[in-house]
Structures are given as structure tokens and as C-alpha cells.
N, C-alpha and C. Protein backbone atom coordinates (compact mmCIF):
# COMPACT_ATOMS: atom_id res chain seq x y z
N GLN A 1 4.42 11.19 24.13
CA GLN A 1 5.04 11.53 22.92
C GLN A 1 6.18 10.70 22.35
N VAL A 2 6.00 10.23 21.18
CA VAL A 2 7.26 9.53 20.53
C VAL A 2 8.04 10.34 19.67
N GLN A 3 9.17 10.15 20.17
CA GLN A 3 10.20 11.27 19.29
C GLN A 3 10.75 10.28 18.00
N LEU A 4 10.80 10.88 16.99
CA LEU A 4 11.20 10.06 15.86
C LEU A 4 12.64 10.85 15.29
N VAL A 5 13.44 10.00 14.90
CA VAL A 5 14.58 10.41 14.37
C VAL A 5 15.16 9.76 12.89
N GLU A 6 15.09 10.44 11.91
CA GLU A 6 15.25 9.80 10.58
C GLU A 6 16.84 9.75 10.16
N SER A 7 17.47 8.69 9.68
CA SER A 7 18.93 8.75 9.08
C SER A 7 19.09 9.64 8.16
N ALA A 8 20.45 9.72 8.00
CA ALA A 8 20.83 10.71 7.07
C ALA A 8 20.34 10.15 5.76
N GLY A 9 20.06 11.33 4.81
CA GLY A 9 19.67 10.94 3.28
C GLY A 9 20.84 10.91 2.30
N GLY A 10 20.81 11.69 1.46
CA GLY A 10 22.07 11.72 0.65
C GLY A 10 21.52 12.36 -0.81
N LEU A 11 22.80 12.35 -1.59
CA LEU A 11 22.92 12.67 -3.12
C LEU A 11 22.93 11.45 -3.87
N VAL A 12 22.13 10.97 -4.60
CA VAL A 12 22.19 9.89 -5.54
C VAL A 12 21.85 10.28 -7.03
N GLN A 13 22.44 9.39 -7.77
CA GLN A 13 21.79 9.56 -9.14
C GLN A 13 20.76 8.94 -9.66
N ALA A 14 19.84 9.58 -10.49
CA ALA A 14 18.57 8.97 -10.93
C ALA A 14 18.93 7.39 -11.31
N GLY A 15 17.92 6.73 -10.99
CA GLY A 15 18.00 5.04 -11.08
C GLY A 15 18.60 4.30 -10.09
N ARG A 16 19.34 5.03 -9.29
CA ARG A 16 19.95 4.41 -7.98
C ARG A 16 18.93 4.00 -6.99
N SER A 17 19.42 3.50 -5.95
CA SER A 17 18.48 3.45 -4.68
C SER A 17 18.95 4.00 -3.13
N LEU A 18 17.98 4.14 -2.53
CA LEU A 18 18.50 4.66 -1.28
C LEU A 18 17.54 4.10 -0.13
N ARG A 19 18.10 3.80 1.03
CA ARG A 19 17.19 3.34 2.11
C ARG A 19 17.17 4.21 3.32
N LEU A 20 15.98 4.83 3.66
CA LEU A 20 15.83 5.81 4.81
C LEU A 20 15.48 4.89 6.07
N SER A 21 15.81 5.15 7.08
CA SER A 21 15.25 4.70 8.54
C SER A 21 14.79 5.61 9.40
N CYS A 22 13.97 5.37 10.32
CA CYS A 22 13.39 6.14 11.30
C CYS A 22 13.36 5.47 12.60
N ALA A 23 14.02 5.84 13.48
CA ALA A 23 14.23 5.28 14.88
C ALA A 23 13.29 6.14 15.99
N ALA A 24 12.44 5.29 16.62
CA ALA A 24 11.41 5.80 17.65
C ALA A 24 12.22 5.75 19.29
N SER A 25 11.61 6.70 19.76
CA SER A 25 12.07 6.57 21.04
C SER A 25 11.51 5.89 22.21
N ARG A 26 10.12 5.51 21.54
CA ARG A 26 9.59 4.39 22.80
C ARG A 26 9.03 3.06 22.53
N ARG A 27 9.23 2.15 23.26
CA ARG A 27 8.84 0.77 23.04
C ARG A 27 7.40 0.58 22.59
N THR A 28 6.56 1.71 22.94
CA THR A 28 4.97 1.57 22.51
C THR A 28 5.08 1.96 20.95
N PHE A 29 6.09 2.33 20.20
CA PHE A 29 6.41 2.36 18.85
C PHE A 29 5.44 1.13 18.02
N SER A 30 5.61 -0.10 18.57
CA SER A 30 4.87 -0.98 17.99
C SER A 30 3.29 -1.20 17.99
N SER A 31 2.86 -0.06 18.79
CA SER A 31 1.54 0.23 18.84
C SER A 31 0.82 0.98 17.64
N TYR A 32 1.81 1.65 16.96
CA TYR A 32 1.38 2.84 16.03
C TYR A 32 1.58 2.46 14.64
N ASP A 33 0.57 2.78 13.79
CA ASP A 33 0.88 2.88 12.40
C ASP A 33 1.76 4.01 11.97
N MET A 34 2.77 3.67 10.95
CA MET A 34 3.68 4.82 10.68
C MET A 34 3.56 5.29 9.15
N GLY A 35 3.98 6.38 8.86
CA GLY A 35 4.15 6.77 7.70
C GLY A 35 5.09 7.76 7.25
N TRP A 36 5.53 7.84 5.97
CA TRP A 36 6.60 8.54 5.41
C TRP A 36 6.03 9.76 4.51
N PHE A 37 6.32 10.91 4.77
CA PHE A 37 5.97 12.02 3.96
C PHE A 37 7.16 12.81 3.40
N ARG A 38 7.04 13.57 2.19
CA ARG A 38 8.24 14.35 1.81
C ARG A 38 7.75 15.73 1.46
N GLN A 39 8.48 16.71 1.09
CA GLN A 39 8.38 17.98 0.88
C GLN A 39 9.39 18.53 -0.15
N ALA A 40 9.02 18.91 -1.13
CA ALA A 40 10.03 19.53 -1.97
C ALA A 40 10.06 21.01 -2.02
N PRO A 41 10.82 21.63 -2.47
CA PRO A 41 11.02 23.13 -2.21
C PRO A 41 9.71 23.70 -2.96
N GLY A 42 9.06 24.72 -2.28
CA GLY A 42 7.85 25.28 -2.69
C GLY A 42 6.72 24.62 -2.74
N LYS A 43 6.73 23.40 -2.28
CA LYS A 43 5.80 22.48 -2.64
C LYS A 43 4.98 22.11 -1.01
N GLU A 44 3.94 21.48 -0.91
CA GLU A 44 3.19 21.28 0.37
C GLU A 44 3.78 19.84 0.53
N ARG A 45 3.79 19.50 1.87
CA ARG A 45 4.17 18.19 2.26
C ARG A 45 3.20 17.24 1.84
N GLU A 46 3.86 16.06 1.18
CA GLU A 46 2.71 15.05 0.49
C GLU A 46 2.94 13.65 1.05
N PHE A 47 1.96 12.79 1.11
CA PHE A 47 1.99 11.55 1.61
C PHE A 47 2.90 10.58 0.65
N VAL A 48 3.80 9.89 1.18
CA VAL A 48 4.44 9.00 0.45
C VAL A 48 4.16 7.51 0.69
N ALA A 49 4.08 6.87 1.97
CA ALA A 49 3.86 5.42 2.15
C ALA A 49 3.46 5.60 3.89
N ALA A 50 2.60 4.25 4.01
CA ALA A 50 2.37 4.16 5.41
C ALA A 50 2.11 2.72 5.69
N ILE A 51 2.36 2.36 6.99
CA ILE A 51 2.25 0.83 7.36
C ILE A 51 1.61 0.67 8.55
N SER A 52 0.74 -0.44 8.99
CA SER A 52 0.21 -0.57 10.12
C SER A 52 1.17 -1.09 11.08
N TRP A 53 0.54 -1.17 12.35
CA TRP A 53 1.32 -1.35 13.50
C TRP A 53 2.26 -2.64 13.49
N ASN A 54 1.50 -3.63 12.87
CA ASN A 54 2.19 -4.90 12.95
C ASN A 54 2.81 -5.29 11.41
N GLY A 55 2.91 -4.40 10.60
CA GLY A 55 3.77 -4.43 9.54
C GLY A 55 2.99 -4.86 8.21
N GLY A 56 1.68 -5.00 8.36
CA GLY A 56 0.79 -5.36 7.49
C GLY A 56 0.20 -4.16 6.66
N SER A 57 -0.54 -4.36 5.59
CA SER A 57 -1.25 -3.49 4.88
C SER A 57 -0.46 -2.10 4.52
N PRO A 58 0.53 -2.25 3.79
CA PRO A 58 1.35 -0.97 3.49
C PRO A 58 0.65 -0.31 2.36
N TYR A 59 0.66 0.96 2.11
CA TYR A 59 0.13 1.74 0.96
C TYR A 59 1.01 2.85 0.82
N TYR A 60 0.70 3.27 -0.49
CA TYR A 60 1.57 3.98 -1.31
C TYR A 60 1.01 5.28 -2.02
N ALA A 61 1.63 6.01 -2.15
CA ALA A 61 1.10 7.23 -3.15
C ALA A 61 1.47 6.71 -4.56
N ASP A 62 0.79 6.94 -5.35
CA ASP A 62 0.79 6.59 -6.76
C ASP A 62 2.09 6.90 -7.43
N SER A 63 2.74 8.01 -7.09
CA SER A 63 3.96 8.61 -7.49
C SER A 63 5.07 7.49 -7.21
N VAL A 64 4.97 6.67 -6.28
CA VAL A 64 6.18 6.10 -5.67
C VAL A 64 5.90 4.52 -5.87
N LYS A 65 4.55 4.37 -6.07
CA LYS A 65 3.99 2.96 -6.01
C LYS A 65 4.98 1.82 -6.95
N GLY A 66 5.39 0.71 -6.47
CA GLY A 66 6.28 0.00 -7.33
C GLY A 66 7.71 0.48 -7.28
N ARG A 67 8.07 1.59 -6.64
CA ARG A 67 9.52 1.80 -6.65
C ARG A 67 9.73 1.93 -5.21
N PHE A 68 9.06 2.34 -4.31
CA PHE A 68 9.35 2.26 -2.72
C PHE A 68 8.63 1.26 -1.96
N THR A 69 9.26 1.16 -1.03
CA THR A 69 8.79 -0.23 -0.14
C THR A 69 9.08 0.27 1.46
N ILE A 70 7.94 0.40 2.13
CA ILE A 70 7.87 0.67 3.38
C ILE A 70 7.77 -0.70 4.33
N SER A 71 8.66 -0.57 5.32
CA SER A 71 8.75 -1.83 6.26
C SER A 71 8.99 -1.32 7.70
N ARG A 72 8.92 -2.37 8.62
CA ARG A 72 9.28 -1.86 10.00
C ARG A 72 9.87 -3.13 10.67
N ASP A 73 10.60 -2.94 11.75
CA ASP A 73 11.07 -3.69 12.44
C ASP A 73 10.61 -3.41 14.00
N ASN A 74 9.75 -3.92 14.70
CA ASN A 74 9.37 -3.41 16.01
C ASN A 74 10.51 -3.61 17.19
N ALA A 75 11.07 -4.69 16.89
CA ALA A 75 12.05 -5.09 17.81
C ALA A 75 13.01 -4.16 17.92
N LYS A 76 13.38 -3.51 16.84
CA LYS A 76 14.31 -2.24 16.59
C LYS A 76 13.71 -0.78 16.98
N ASN A 77 12.46 -0.99 16.82
CA ASN A 77 11.56 0.57 17.15
C ASN A 77 11.89 1.32 15.85
N THR A 78 11.89 0.59 14.63
CA THR A 78 12.47 1.42 13.49
C THR A 78 11.57 1.14 12.24
N VAL A 79 11.40 2.14 11.47
CA VAL A 79 10.52 2.02 10.21
C VAL A 79 11.59 2.51 9.12
N TYR A 80 11.40 1.63 8.01
CA TYR A 80 12.23 1.95 6.86
C TYR A 80 11.46 2.45 5.59
N LEU A 81 12.37 2.91 4.88
CA LEU A 81 11.75 3.46 3.29
C LEU A 81 12.73 3.04 2.38
N GLN A 82 12.57 1.98 1.66
CA GLN A 82 13.43 1.50 0.46
C GLN A 82 13.00 2.14 -0.76
N MET A 83 14.10 2.99 -1.31
CA MET A 83 13.58 3.87 -2.57
C MET A 83 14.41 3.38 -3.60
N ASN A 84 13.82 2.67 -4.51
CA ASN A 84 14.48 2.19 -5.69
C ASN A 84 14.07 2.87 -6.99
N SER A 85 14.88 2.93 -8.05
CA SER A 85 14.64 3.34 -9.40
C SER A 85 14.43 5.07 -9.22
N LEU A 86 15.13 5.63 -8.40
CA LEU A 86 14.94 7.02 -7.87
C LEU A 86 14.85 7.94 -9.05
N LYS A 87 13.99 9.13 -8.88
CA LYS A 87 13.91 10.02 -9.96
C LYS A 87 14.14 11.39 -9.65
N PRO A 88 14.67 12.27 -10.47
CA PRO A 88 15.10 13.64 -10.06
C PRO A 88 13.68 14.16 -9.06
N GLU A 89 12.41 14.02 -9.58
CA GLU A 89 11.26 14.55 -8.82
C GLU A 89 11.09 13.70 -7.44
N ASP A 90 11.91 13.09 -7.02
CA ASP A 90 11.69 12.40 -5.87
C ASP A 90 12.54 13.30 -4.92
N THR A 91 13.24 14.36 -5.29
CA THR A 91 14.05 15.22 -4.44
C THR A 91 13.24 15.91 -3.64
N ALA A 92 13.46 15.91 -2.24
CA ALA A 92 12.72 16.41 -1.13
C ALA A 92 13.43 16.25 0.01
N VAL A 93 12.86 16.78 1.20
CA VAL A 93 13.22 16.40 2.73
C VAL A 93 12.04 15.32 2.92
N TYR A 94 12.64 14.27 3.47
CA TYR A 94 11.57 13.25 3.91
C TYR A 94 11.46 13.22 5.29
N TYR A 95 10.16 13.08 5.78
CA TYR A 95 9.86 12.96 7.13
C TYR A 95 9.18 11.60 7.46
N CYS A 96 9.36 11.07 8.60
CA CYS A 96 8.63 9.93 9.02
C CYS A 96 7.56 10.50 10.23
N ALA A 97 6.51 9.87 10.56
CA ALA A 97 5.54 10.42 11.34
C ALA A 97 4.80 9.26 11.94
N VAL A 98 3.93 9.31 12.93
CA VAL A 98 3.12 8.45 13.69
C VAL A 98 1.80 8.79 13.25
N LYS A 99 0.99 7.84 12.84
CA LYS A 99 -0.33 8.02 12.56
C LYS A 99 -1.45 7.66 13.71
N PHE A 100 -2.03 8.90 13.79
CA PHE A 100 -2.82 8.69 14.89
C PHE A 100 -4.45 8.59 14.86
N GLY A 101 -4.52 8.78 13.61
CA GLY A 101 -6.19 8.43 13.25
C GLY A 101 -6.48 8.17 11.86
N GLY A 102 -7.69 8.42 11.47
CA GLY A 102 -8.15 8.28 10.22
C GLY A 102 -8.35 7.07 9.78
N SER A 103 -8.73 6.73 8.44
CA SER A 103 -9.25 5.61 7.92
C SER A 103 -8.09 4.92 7.77
N ALA A 104 -8.34 3.34 7.36
CA ALA A 104 -7.17 2.53 7.25
C ALA A 104 -6.14 3.04 6.42
N TYR A 105 -6.54 3.46 5.23
CA TYR A 105 -5.72 3.79 4.04
C TYR A 105 -5.62 5.49 3.81
N SER A 106 -5.88 6.05 4.87
CA SER A 106 -5.58 7.48 4.76
C SER A 106 -4.17 7.99 4.82
N GLY A 107 -3.97 9.02 3.86
CA GLY A 107 -2.76 9.42 3.70
C GLY A 107 -2.59 11.15 4.16
N LEU A 108 -3.98 11.41 4.85
CA LEU A 108 -4.17 12.81 5.25
C LEU A 108 -3.05 13.26 6.23
N LEU A 109 -2.55 14.50 5.80
CA LEU A 109 -1.39 15.11 6.71
C LEU A 109 -2.03 15.31 8.17
N THR A 110 -3.14 15.71 8.38
CA THR A 110 -3.83 15.81 9.66
C THR A 110 -3.95 14.54 10.56
N ASN A 111 -3.96 13.37 9.93
CA ASN A 111 -3.87 12.17 10.70
C ASN A 111 -2.69 11.62 11.24
N PHE A 112 -1.38 12.57 10.94
CA PHE A 112 0.04 11.92 11.47
C PHE A 112 0.57 13.10 12.09
N GLY A 113 1.42 12.81 13.12
CA GLY A 113 2.03 13.59 13.83
C GLY A 113 3.49 13.15 14.66
N SER A 114 4.12 13.71 15.45
CA SER A 114 5.14 13.37 16.19
C SER A 114 6.24 13.42 15.20
N TRP A 115 6.29 14.30 14.32
CA TRP A 115 7.13 14.27 12.89
C TRP A 115 8.57 14.26 13.36
N GLY A 116 9.39 13.46 12.59
CA GLY A 116 10.93 13.45 12.70
C GLY A 116 11.32 15.06 12.21
N GLN A 117 12.63 15.14 12.34
CA GLN A 117 13.32 16.30 11.77
C GLN A 117 13.66 16.72 10.53
N GLY A 118 13.18 15.44 9.68
CA GLY A 118 13.59 15.45 8.18
C GLY A 118 14.82 15.11 7.71
N THR A 119 15.09 14.56 6.58
CA THR A 119 16.33 14.39 6.13
C THR A 119 15.95 14.41 4.49
N GLN A 120 17.17 15.21 4.02
CA GLN A 120 17.11 15.36 2.68
C GLN A 120 17.63 14.51 1.72
N VAL A 121 16.75 14.21 0.45
CA VAL A 121 17.27 13.34 -0.40
C VAL A 121 17.37 13.97 -1.55
N THR A 122 18.23 14.00 -2.44
CA THR A 122 18.71 14.76 -3.40
C THR A 122 18.82 13.81 -4.70
N VAL A 123 18.11 13.72 -5.78
CA VAL A 123 18.43 12.84 -6.96
C VAL A 123 18.67 13.58 -8.12
N SER A 124 20.03 13.38 -8.38
CA SER A 124 20.73 14.03 -9.58
C SER A 124 20.29 13.42 -11.01
N SER A 125 20.09 14.01 -12.26
CA SER A 125 19.68 13.55 -13.51
C SER A 125 20.84 13.07 -14.19
């Protein structure tokens, strides 16, 4: 079982940037595709971005495409989410997760597991 710990989020103004990181407990981290999800109050958890085990083939939800970038450093057992041009609608608890199955570009919630504890990101207008 891979344990994941997200970095602290924060409160930022609209238009600013924030980078989240997610550290994994096991060296086998480099074997897994990884993803980020988010959940806003009263809404379902939704897919944000994912990246393959070797750092290739990143893919994104349409709502963040062009603004967010997912990356990883396998030497540090860490995956990142760089968030630029933040909007108030990006306000949510952000979670990282391991992708255990599904097609190559799947963002289905059920394909992911070993969830981190989540970190709050609040974007003020």
C-alpha cells in the first residue's frame, strides 16, 4: 500500500499561482501512474490531471487545461501540480492518488486509490 501526503495548500488571489506536491512512502512509486483530483463543497470529487509512471502522457480535465501542469520526480517519490491563473472556481480540497487501472487517458474515480489526506486550496476573487 502506497501512502501519499499532500503539501499544504493555501489561500491565493485569483490570477496567482500555487504548486502542490504529493510525497509517496514507497520507492515503488515510480511504477505507478499518478493523478490529482479535487472536491468542492457540495460537489463530487472530480478528476484534474494524471501522469504516467515515467512522466510522459500527462492529461487534464478541460476545466484546467492550459493552466495546470502535472509533473513528477521519481527520484524524490513526488508528484506535483502547478496551478497557474487560478480562478475562484478552482477552490476545493485537492487529493493525489495512485492510478491502479483503466485506459491510458482515463480519469474515472474508480481507477484511482491510495488517496492522500487532501489539502485545501482557496482562491479569492
